[in-house]
Protein backbone atom coordinates (compact mmCIF):
# COMPACT_ATOMS: atom_id res chain seq x y z
CA UNK A 1 114.06 97.17 73.75
CA UNK A 2 113.45 100.10 76.11
CA UNK A 3 112.30 102.31 73.25
CA UNK A 4 109.82 99.66 72.05
CA UNK A 5 108.40 99.21 75.54
CA UNK A 6 108.03 102.98 75.98
CA UNK A 7 106.29 103.30 72.62
CA UNK A 8 103.88 100.49 73.59
CA UNK A 9 103.04 102.29 76.84
CA UNK A 10 102.49 105.61 75.05
CA UNK A 11 100.19 104.07 72.41
CA UNK A 12 97.78 102.42 74.86
CA UNK A 13 94.92 104.58 76.14
CA UNK A 14 94.29 103.19 79.64
CA UNK A 15 95.93 100.89 82.15
CA UNK A 16 94.23 97.46 81.84
CA UNK A 17 92.51 95.98 84.90
CA UNK A 18 92.79 92.20 85.14
CA UNK A 19 90.25 89.92 86.91
CA UNK A 20 90.43 86.46 88.49
CA UNK A 21 87.29 84.61 89.50
CA UNK A 22 87.68 82.84 92.85
CA UNK A 23 85.11 80.11 93.48
CA UNK A 24 84.33 78.78 96.94
CA UNK A 25 82.79 75.33 97.44
CA UNK A 26 80.38 75.27 100.40
CA UNK A 27 79.45 71.54 100.22
CA UNK A 28 75.77 72.44 100.40
CA UNK A 29 72.76 70.71 98.83
CA UNK A 30 71.39 74.04 97.60
CA UNK A 31 71.69 74.68 93.90
CA UNK A 32 74.21 77.29 92.84
CA UNK A 33 75.79 77.33 96.29
CA UNK A 34 79.21 78.31 94.96
CA UNK A 35 80.16 81.87 95.74
CA UNK A 36 82.15 83.71 93.10
CA UNK A 37 84.42 86.57 94.09
CA UNK A 38 86.18 88.69 91.51
CA UNK A 39 89.72 89.68 92.35
CA UNK A 40 90.89 92.80 90.45
CA UNK A 41 94.49 93.83 90.00
CA UNK A 42 96.93 95.79 87.82
CA UNK A 43 100.24 94.44 86.57
CA UNK A 44 103.30 96.62 87.19
CA UNK A 45 104.77 97.76 83.87
CA UNK A 46 108.30 97.71 85.31
CA UNK A 47 108.59 94.42 87.24
CA UNK A 48 105.39 92.55 86.12
CA UNK A 49 104.17 91.97 89.71
CA UNK A 50 100.48 92.12 90.72
CA UNK A 51 99.11 95.30 92.28
CA UNK A 52 95.97 94.41 94.27
CA UNK A 53 93.00 96.77 94.01
CA UNK A 54 91.10 95.24 96.96
CA UNK A 55 92.67 97.17 99.88
CA UNK A 56 92.16 100.86 100.47
CA UNK A 57 94.22 103.25 98.38
CA UNK A 58 96.60 104.05 101.24
CA UNK A 59 97.30 100.34 101.84
CA UNK A 60 97.97 99.33 98.22
CA UNK A 61 101.43 98.34 97.04
CA UNK A 62 101.21 100.47 93.87
CA UNK A 63 98.91 102.33 91.53
CA UNK A 64 98.49 104.34 88.34
CA UNK A 65 100.80 107.20 87.38
CA UNK A 66 100.16 109.77 84.64
CA UNK A 67 103.12 111.27 82.77
CA UNK A 68 102.21 114.57 81.07
CA UNK A 69 103.09 115.38 77.49
CA UNK A 70 105.55 118.09 78.64
CA UNK A 71 107.70 115.30 80.13
CA UNK A 72 107.38 112.77 77.29
CA UNK A 73 107.43 115.26 74.37
CA UNK A 74 104.85 113.13 72.51
CA UNK A 75 101.58 112.70 74.43
CA UNK A 76 100.56 111.92 77.99
CA UNK A 77 100.39 108.29 79.05
CA UNK A 78 99.37 106.32 82.08
CA UNK A 79 101.27 103.44 83.59
CA UNK A 80 100.95 101.19 86.64
CA UNK A 81 103.97 101.13 88.97
CA UNK A 82 104.65 99.65 92.40
CA UNK A 83 105.66 102.00 95.22
CA UNK A 84 109.05 100.25 95.57
CA UNK A 85 110.06 101.44 92.07
CA UNK A 86 110.00 105.11 93.16
CA UNK A 87 112.80 104.71 95.73
């Protein structure tokens, strides 16, 4: 199971960014009065929790990590991990 997950992470090229459209109803008579906001996030590859991309980089709860090919012995790969997983 761990080997399959690691192979899947190595084979993908980039960390996918997911989007949710948030619609706000303003109860206005104007046409197309709904505001649409796109919420972008990563999903942690270890615990499957959301990592928000909206706050500044210092305030985020995780991010992308690049493992070089000297560490993996195959090729470099990128993963998204929460800061709590490093402790």
